[in-house]
Amino acid sequence: MLQSFFIFNKSGILMFHHQIVPNKTDPNLVGAFLSAIYSWAEMYSQSGVSLFMTGSTKLIFDQSHLTSEMIFCLASTKNHDDADLYDKMSMVLENFVHFFWEDRESMSQGIISAEKIEKFRGLVKEFLK
């Protein structure tokens, strides 16, 4: 089951969050933690992390070569089908690039229009059903 979706920049600023399964965690803290995991992995592998698992949760990470400062993370239950996760991630990533193409420079600095984010949220909800 899909749980949540995050987009953050390499500075750790949460740019977008969509919670699919309700929980009480602070998305900003989770985003900062995910950014730290990604940065830590990047120090050792020069490519970051692509998969991180806990006892019950699977997180996949990706970034587009067009938006290298932005990191995307999709969280699911550990038993969720990998192919479905990667398909959904690919769909969201591709649409993100098209939707925010003009805003990519400001987004790398942590600036994004709240109005545009809400429109993008509607797309994400459809993709992550």
Protein backbone atom coordinates (compact mmCIF):
# COMPACT_ATOMS: atom_id res chain seq x y z
CA MET A 1 0.00 0.00 0.00
CA LEU A 2 1.28 3.45 -0.88
CA GLN A 3 1.81 5.68 2.16
CA SER A 4 3.26 9.05 1.18
CA PHE A 5 5.18 11.00 -1.42
CA PHE A 6 7.86 13.67 -0.83
CA ILE A 7 9.82 16.10 -2.96
CA PHE A 8 12.69 17.93 -1.30
CA ASN A 9 15.76 19.78 -2.48
CA LYS A 10 19.34 18.85 -1.66
CA SER A 11 19.35 21.45 1.12
CA GLY A 12 16.68 19.42 2.90
CA ILE A 13 13.80 21.81 2.27
CA LEU A 14 10.53 19.95 1.79
CA MET A 15 8.95 21.26 -1.40
CA PHE A 16 5.96 18.97 -1.64
CA HIS A 17 4.31 16.30 0.45
CA HIS A 18 1.28 14.15 -0.19
CA GLN A 19 0.09 11.87 2.59
CA ILE A 20 -1.89 8.92 1.24
CA VAL A 21 -2.36 7.03 4.52
CA PRO A 22 -3.07 9.36 7.46
CA ASN A 23 -0.44 9.50 10.20
CA LYS A 24 0.78 11.97 12.79
CA THR A 25 4.35 12.47 11.63
CA ASP A 26 5.59 15.95 10.79
CA PRO A 27 6.26 15.97 7.01
CA ASN A 28 9.01 18.59 7.42
CA LEU A 29 10.91 16.39 9.87
CA VAL A 30 10.46 13.34 7.65
CA GLY A 31 11.59 15.33 4.60
CA ALA A 32 14.71 16.52 6.45
CA PHE A 33 15.47 12.96 7.53
CA LEU A 34 15.02 11.63 3.98
CA SER A 35 17.29 14.38 2.69
CA ALA A 36 19.92 13.41 5.27
CA ILE A 37 19.72 9.75 4.19
CA TYR A 38 20.12 10.78 0.57
CA SER A 39 23.06 13.10 1.31
CA TRP A 40 24.78 10.48 3.44
CA ALA A 41 24.46 7.88 0.66
CA GLU A 42 25.67 10.39 -1.91
CA MET A 43 28.87 10.95 0.08
CA TYR A 44 29.70 7.25 -0.17
CA SER A 45 28.35 6.32 -3.59
CA GLN A 46 28.31 9.62 -5.53
CA SER A 47 24.80 8.65 -6.65
CA GLY A 48 22.65 8.78 -3.52
CA VAL A 49 20.25 6.12 -2.37
CA SER A 50 17.62 4.46 -4.54
CA LEU A 51 15.98 2.16 -1.97
CA PHE A 52 15.73 2.34 1.82
CA MET A 53 13.79 -0.19 3.89
CA THR A 54 12.74 -0.45 7.50
CA GLY A 55 10.87 -3.30 9.15
CA SER A 56 7.56 -2.27 7.59
CA THR A 57 8.28 0.54 5.11
CA LYS A 58 9.96 0.73 1.72
CA LEU A 59 11.13 4.08 0.35
CA ILE A 60 12.29 4.56 -3.22
CA PHE A 61 14.22 7.65 -4.27
CA ASP A 62 14.74 9.21 -7.67
CA GLN A 63 15.76 12.44 -9.30
CA SER A 64 15.57 13.75 -12.82
CA HIS A 65 18.63 14.83 -14.74
CA LEU A 66 16.61 17.95 -15.59
CA THR A 67 16.02 18.76 -11.91
CA SER A 68 19.14 17.38 -10.26
CA GLU A 69 18.62 19.50 -7.15
CA MET A 70 15.23 17.92 -6.47
CA ILE A 71 14.85 14.50 -4.87
CA PHE A 72 11.65 12.46 -5.05
CA CYS A 73 10.70 9.81 -2.51
CA LEU A 74 7.75 7.43 -2.53
CA ALA A 75 6.96 5.47 0.65
CA SER A 76 4.96 2.27 0.76
CA THR A 77 4.49 -0.80 2.86
CA LYS A 78 7.37 -3.24 2.55
CA ASN A 79 5.34 -5.77 0.54
CA HIS A 80 4.12 -3.31 -2.13
CA ASP A 81 4.99 -4.38 -5.69
CA ASP A 82 8.31 -2.83 -6.80
CA ALA A 83 7.25 -2.50 -10.45
CA ASP A 84 4.17 -0.51 -9.41
CA LEU A 85 6.28 1.79 -7.21
CA TYR A 86 8.75 2.52 -9.98
CA ASP A 87 5.95 3.08 -12.52
CA LYS A 88 4.21 5.54 -10.22
CA MET A 89 7.49 7.31 -9.41
CA SER A 90 8.30 7.62 -13.10
CA MET A 91 4.86 9.05 -13.88
CA VAL A 92 5.05 11.66 -11.12
CA LEU A 93 8.64 12.60 -11.95
CA GLU A 94 7.92 13.09 -15.64
CA ASN A 95 4.86 15.21 -14.94
CA PHE A 96 6.70 17.22 -12.30
CA VAL A 97 9.38 18.18 -14.82
CA HIS A 98 6.76 19.32 -17.35
CA PHE A 99 4.59 21.07 -14.76
CA PHE A 100 7.43 23.02 -13.07
CA TRP A 101 9.87 23.44 -15.97
CA GLU A 102 9.83 27.26 -15.75
CA ASP A 103 10.23 27.17 -11.95
CA ARG A 104 13.21 24.81 -11.69
CA GLU A 105 15.77 27.48 -10.75
CA SER A 106 13.66 28.99 -7.96
CA MET A 107 12.71 25.52 -6.70
CA SER A 108 16.37 24.57 -6.26
CA GLN A 109 16.50 27.51 -3.83
CA GLY A 110 13.41 26.32 -1.96
CA ILE A 111 10.93 28.74 -3.55
CA ILE A 112 7.72 27.47 -5.08
CA SER A 113 4.25 28.87 -5.72
CA ALA A 114 1.66 27.49 -3.27
CA GLU A 115 -1.01 27.81 -5.95
CA LYS A 116 1.01 25.75 -8.43
CA ILE A 117 1.78 23.14 -5.76
CA GLU A 118 -1.93 22.65 -5.09
CA LYS A 119 -2.59 22.13 -8.80
CA PHE A 120 0.24 19.60 -8.92
CA ARG A 121 -1.23 17.87 -5.83
CA GLY A 122 -4.34 17.10 -7.89
CA LEU A 123 -2.20 15.32 -10.49
CA VAL A 124 -0.30 13.39 -7.84
CA LYS A 125 -3.52 12.19 -6.22
CA GLU A 126 -4.59 10.73 -9.56
CA PHE A 127 -1.26 9.02 -10.23
CA LEU A 128 -0.95 7.54 -6.75
CA LYS A 129 -4.43 6.01 -6.44
